[in-house]
C-alpha atoms as a PDB file:
ATOM      1  CA  MET A   1     -16.813 -22.102  -0.780  1.00  0.00           C
ATOM      2  CA  GLY A   2     -15.553 -22.591  -4.339  1.00  0.00           C
ATOM      3  CA  LEU A   3     -15.337 -18.832  -4.810  1.00  0.00           C
ATOM      4  CA  VAL A   4     -13.133 -18.494  -1.716  1.00  0.00           C
ATOM      5  CA  ALA A   5     -10.926 -21.391  -2.864  1.00  0.00           C
ATOM      6  CA  ALA A   6     -10.513 -19.807  -6.316  1.00  0.00           C
ATOM      7  CA  LEU A   7      -9.565 -16.505  -4.685  1.00  0.00           C
ATOM      8  CA  GLY A   8      -7.052 -18.347  -2.506  1.00  0.00           C
ATOM      9  CA  LEU A   9      -5.562 -19.945  -5.613  1.00  0.00           C
ATOM     10  CA  VAL A  10      -5.139 -16.458  -7.100  1.00  0.00           C
ATOM     11  CA  LEU A  11      -3.395 -15.154  -3.964  1.00  0.00           C
ATOM     12  CA  ALA A  12      -1.202 -18.220  -3.288  1.00  0.00           C
ATOM     13  CA  PRO A  13       1.523 -17.455  -5.886  1.00  0.00           C
ATOM     14  CA  LEU A  14       2.007 -14.040  -4.286  1.00  0.00           C
ATOM     15  CA  LEU A  15       2.934 -15.633  -0.946  1.00  0.00           C
ATOM     16  CA  PRO A  16       6.256 -17.422  -0.247  1.00  0.00           C
ATOM     17  CA  TRP A  17       6.447 -20.945  -1.708  1.00  0.00           C
ATOM     18  CA  VAL A  18       9.959 -21.840  -0.550  1.00  0.00           C
ATOM     19  CA  GLY A  19      12.241 -20.597   2.175  1.00  0.00           C
ATOM     20  CA  VAL A  20      15.783 -21.159   3.364  1.00  0.00           C
ATOM     21  CA  SER A  21      17.179 -20.354   6.788  1.00  0.00           C
ATOM     22  CA  GLN A  22      20.636 -20.585   8.286  1.00  0.00           C
ATOM     23  CA  ARG A  23      21.486 -20.401  11.956  1.00  0.00           C
ATOM     24  CA  GLY A  24      24.241 -18.082  13.104  1.00  0.00           C
ATOM     25  CA  PHE A  25      27.772 -19.501  13.304  1.00  0.00           C
ATOM     26  CA  LEU A  26      30.795 -17.662  14.725  1.00  0.00           C
ATOM     27  CA  PHE A  27      30.888 -14.356  12.845  1.00  0.00           C
ATOM     28  CA  ILE A  28      28.143 -15.276  10.371  1.00  0.00           C
ATOM     29  CA  ALA A  29      24.765 -13.839  11.297  1.00  0.00           C
ATOM     30  CA  ALA A  30      21.618 -15.924  11.079  1.00  0.00           C
ATOM     31  CA  GLN A  31      19.795 -15.417   7.800  1.00  0.00           C
ATOM     32  CA  SER A  32      16.436 -16.291   6.338  1.00  0.00           C
ATOM     33  CA  ARG A  33      15.108 -15.853   2.811  1.00  0.00           C
ATOM     34  CA  GLN A  34      11.786 -16.672   1.163  1.00  0.00           C
ATOM     35  CA  TRP A  35      10.697 -16.701  -2.464  1.00  0.00           C
ATOM     36  CA  THR A  36       7.275 -16.635  -4.085  1.00  0.00           C
ATOM     37  CA  ALA A  37       6.387 -18.903  -6.974  1.00  0.00           C
ATOM     38  CA  LEU A  38       6.635 -15.899  -9.304  1.00  0.00           C
ATOM     39  CA  ASP A  39      10.242 -15.057  -8.347  1.00  0.00           C
ATOM     40  CA  ASP A  40      13.130 -16.122 -10.537  1.00  0.00           C
ATOM     41  CA  LEU A  41      15.025 -18.759  -8.595  1.00  0.00           C
ATOM     42  CA  PRO A  42      18.278 -20.330  -9.740  1.00  0.00           C
ATOM     43  CA  GLU A  43      17.515 -23.595 -11.565  1.00  0.00           C
ATOM     44  CA  ILE A  44      13.768 -23.276 -10.839  1.00  0.00           C
ATOM     45  CA  ASN A  45      11.552 -21.404 -13.279  1.00  0.00           C
ATOM     46  CA  ASN A  46       8.417 -19.500 -12.345  1.00  0.00           C
ATOM     47  CA  VAL A  47       6.064 -21.455 -14.634  1.00  0.00           C
ATOM     48  CA  PRO A  48       4.307 -23.146 -11.668  1.00  0.00           C
ATOM     49  CA  GLY A  49       3.557 -19.762 -10.131  1.00  0.00           C
ATOM     50  CA  TRP A  50       2.081 -18.372 -13.322  1.00  0.00           C
ATOM     51  CA  LEU A  51       0.148 -21.605 -13.867  1.00  0.00           C
ATOM     52  CA  ALA A  52      -1.366 -21.405 -10.378  1.00  0.00           C
ATOM     53  CA  LEU A  53      -2.180 -17.709 -10.798  1.00  0.00           C
ATOM     54  CA  GLY A  54      -3.791 -18.269 -14.201  1.00  0.00           C
ATOM     55  CA  SER A  55      -5.723 -21.266 -12.898  1.00  0.00           C
ATOM     56  CA  GLY A  56      -7.064 -19.220 -10.019  1.00  0.00           C
ATOM     57  CA  VAL A  57      -8.120 -16.346 -12.272  1.00  0.00           C
ATOM     58  CA  ILE A  58      -9.886 -18.672 -14.712  1.00  0.00           C
ATOM     59  CA  ALA A  59     -11.592 -20.586 -11.898  1.00  0.00           C
ATOM     60  CA  LEU A  60     -12.665 -17.330 -10.270  1.00  0.00           C
ATOM     61  CA  GLY A  61     -14.132 -16.142 -13.565  1.00  0.00           C
ATOM     62  CA  LEU A  62     -15.959 -19.416 -14.209  1.00  0.00           C
ATOM     63  CA  ILE A  63     -17.440 -19.619 -10.733  1.00  0.00           C
ATOM     64  CA  THR A  64     -18.470 -15.964 -10.727  1.00  0.00           C
ATOM     65  CA  ALA A  65     -20.085 -16.302 -14.165  1.00  0.00           C
ATOM     66  CA  GLY A  66     -21.814 -19.509 -13.077  1.00  0.00           C
ATOM     67  CA  LEU A  67     -23.228 -17.814  -9.999  1.00  0.00           C
ATOM     68  CA  LEU A  68     -24.314 -14.661 -11.819  1.00  0.00           C
ATOM     69  CA  LEU A  69     -25.888 -16.530 -14.735  1.00  0.00           C
ATOM     70  CA  GLY A  70     -27.289 -19.350 -12.587  1.00  0.00           C
ATOM     71  CA  ARG A  71     -25.545 -22.032 -14.645  1.00  0.00           C
ATOM     72  CA  ARG A  72     -24.109 -24.825 -12.550  1.00  0.00           C
ATOM     73  CA  THR A  73     -22.278 -26.363 -15.484  1.00  0.00           C
ATOM     74  CA  LEU A  74     -20.262 -23.179 -15.905  1.00  0.00           C
ATOM     75  CA  ALA A  75     -19.241 -23.250 -12.245  1.00  0.00           C
ATOM     76  CA  ALA A  76     -18.511 -26.986 -12.486  1.00  0.00           C
ATOM     77  CA  ALA A  77     -16.104 -26.286 -15.347  1.00  0.00           C
ATOM     78  CA  ALA A  78     -13.757 -24.820 -12.725  1.00  0.00           C
ATOM     79  CA  ALA A  79     -12.586 -28.393 -12.103  1.00  0.00           C
ATOM     80  CA  LEU A  80     -10.086 -28.046 -14.955  1.00  0.00           C
ATOM     81  CA  PRO A  81      -8.376 -24.952 -13.539  1.00  0.00           C
ATOM     82  CA  ALA A  82      -8.390 -26.662 -10.126  1.00  0.00           C
ATOM     83  CA  LEU A  83      -6.505 -29.609 -11.627  1.00  0.00           C
ATOM     84  CA  SER A  84      -4.002 -27.300 -13.309  1.00  0.00           C
ATOM     85  CA  GLY A  85      -3.485 -25.480  -9.997  1.00  0.00           C
ATOM     86  CA  LEU A  86      -2.709 -28.817  -8.355  1.00  0.00           C
ATOM     87  CA  ALA A  87      -0.389 -29.650 -11.248  1.00  0.00           C
ATOM     88  CA  ALA A  88       1.445 -26.375 -10.586  1.00  0.00           C
ATOM     89  CA  CYS A  89       2.093 -27.479  -6.992  1.00  0.00           C
ATOM     90  CA  GLY A  90       3.442 -30.822  -8.210  1.00  0.00           C
ATOM     91  CA  LEU A  91       5.614 -29.221 -10.868  1.00  0.00           C
ATOM     92  CA  PHE A  92       7.130 -26.848  -8.313  1.00  0.00           C
ATOM     93  CA  VAL A  93       8.037 -29.732  -5.991  1.00  0.00           C
ATOM     94  CA  LEU A  94       9.579 -31.681  -8.888  1.00  0.00           C
ATOM     95  CA  GLN A  95      11.730 -28.716  -9.848  1.00  0.00           C
ATOM     96  CA  LEU A  96      12.753 -28.207  -6.225  1.00  0.00           C
ATOM     97  CA  LYS A  97      13.699 -31.884  -5.839  1.00  0.00           C
ATOM     98  CA  ASN A  98      15.746 -31.806  -9.071  1.00  0.00           C
ATOM     99  CA  TYR A  99      17.592 -28.736  -7.780  1.00  0.00           C
ATOM    100  CA  GLN A 100      18.328 -30.487  -4.482  1.00  0.00           C
ATOM    101  CA  ARG A 101      19.558 -33.628  -6.278  1.00  0.00           C
ATOM    102  CA  GLU A 102      22.111 -31.557  -8.207  1.00  0.00           C
ATOM    103  CA  TYR A 103      23.818 -30.490  -4.992  1.00  0.00           C
ATOM    104  CA  GLU A 104      23.467 -33.585  -2.825  1.00  0.00           C
ATOM    105  CA  ASN A 105      26.806 -34.965  -4.047  1.00  0.00           C
ATOM    106  CA  ASP A 106      28.624 -31.612  -4.005  1.00  0.00           C
ATOM    107  CA  LEU A 107      31.151 -31.783  -1.154  1.00  0.00           C
ATOM    108  CA  VAL A 108      31.313 -28.014  -0.619  1.00  0.00           C
ATOM    109  CA  ALA A 109      27.525 -27.724  -0.460  1.00  0.00           C
ATOM    110  CA  ARG A 110      27.305 -30.618   2.016  1.00  0.00           C
ATOM    111  CA  VAL A 111      29.975 -29.158   4.298  1.00  0.00           C
ATOM    112  CA  ALA A 112      28.372 -25.701   4.175  1.00  0.00           C
ATOM    113  CA  GLN A 113      24.981 -27.194   4.997  1.00  0.00           C
ATOM    114  CA  ALA A 114      26.393 -29.158   7.938  1.00  0.00           C
ATOM    115  CA  VAL A 115      28.501 -26.327   9.367  1.00  0.00           C
ATOM    116  CA  LEU A 116      26.015 -23.494   8.854  1.00  0.00           C
ATOM    117  CA  ASP A 117      22.917 -25.611   9.628  1.00  0.00           C
ATOM    118  CA  ILE A 118      21.104 -24.584   6.449  1.00  0.00           C
ATOM    119  CA  LYS A 119      17.487 -25.705   6.228  1.00  0.00           C
ATOM    120  CA  GLY A 120      14.973 -25.183   3.449  1.00  0.00           C
ATOM    121  CA  GLY A 121      11.395 -26.138   2.820  1.00  0.00           C
ATOM    122  CA  LEU A 122       8.025 -25.338   1.382  1.00  0.00           C
ATOM    123  CA  GLU A 123       6.236 -22.276   2.713  1.00  0.00           C
ATOM    124  CA  ALA A 124       2.645 -21.093   3.247  1.00  0.00           C
ATOM    125  CA  GLY A 125       1.918 -20.065  -0.362  1.00  0.00           C
ATOM    126  CA  TRP A 126       2.551 -23.568  -1.678  1.00  0.00           C
ATOM    127  CA  PHE A 127       0.331 -25.106   0.987  1.00  0.00           C
ATOM    128  CA  LEU A 128      -2.401 -22.527   0.303  1.00  0.00           C
ATOM    129  CA  ALA A 129      -2.309 -23.368  -3.415  1.00  0.00           C
ATOM    130  CA  LEU A 130      -2.520 -27.084  -2.642  1.00  0.00           C
ATOM    131  CA  VAL A 131      -5.420 -26.756  -0.194  1.00  0.00           C
ATOM    132  CA  CYS A 132      -7.337 -24.303  -2.393  1.00  0.00           C
ATOM    133  CA  GLY A 133      -6.851 -26.531  -5.442  1.00  0.00           C
ATOM    134  CA  LEU A 134      -8.190 -29.532  -3.521  1.00  0.00           C
ATOM    135  CA  VAL A 135     -11.138 -27.592  -2.082  1.00  0.00           C
ATOM    136  CA  LEU A 136     -11.961 -26.130  -5.481  1.00  0.00           C
ATOM    137  CA  LEU A 137     -11.800 -29.569  -7.076  1.00  0.00           C
ATOM    138  CA  GLY A 138     -14.020 -31.005  -4.350  1.00  0.00           C
ATOM    139  CA  CYS A 139     -16.564 -28.194  -4.744  1.00  0.00           C
ATOM    140  CA  THR A 140     -16.735 -28.551  -8.505  1.00  0.00           C
ATOM    141  CA  LEU A 141     -17.003 -32.338  -8.369  1.00  0.00           C
ATOM    142  CA  GLY A 142     -19.737 -31.986  -5.753  1.00  0.00           C
ATOM    143  CA  GLN A 143     -21.507 -29.560  -8.087  1.00  0.00           C
ATOM    144  CA  MET A 144     -21.302 -32.128 -10.901  1.00  0.00           C
ATOM    145  CA  VAL A 145     -22.697 -34.887  -8.682  1.00  0.00           C
ATOM    146  CA  ARG A 146     -25.507 -32.661  -7.472  1.00  0.00           C
ATOM    147  CA  LYS A 147     -26.344 -31.682 -11.064  1.00  0.00           C
ATOM    148  CA  SER A 148     -26.569 -35.313 -12.202  1.00  0.00           C
ATOM    149  CA  ARG A 149     -29.207 -36.121  -9.572  1.00  0.00           C
END
């Protein structure tokens, strides 16, 4: 299970982490756009995406080496990359919230959002990274508990 979660953490930054959609209005066609965590977004850097990707690769390597060598402690060390993958999810949300705060008092942005019905939110890649980080952390902590018995 930990191996699958580590692989999911590797793939998550390649999937969309945030999306914005706008319903059609008069002569303006409906639009939708999604970005991965590795894309360059205005005011949001791609550090969380690279952190999640690196965490997944390291965790995948540790778990694979632990399984091949039969060393549970090596596989249990994947708890650290799992925590950094979860930190990447948190960092991305903080950056997204800071970006939203910048424009919440901008009159033009508020009118455009109201008239065009613009909606944005987190997408599947972010949720996959979060779930895989939690599963990976749970697996590695379970491995540590099992080893101590």
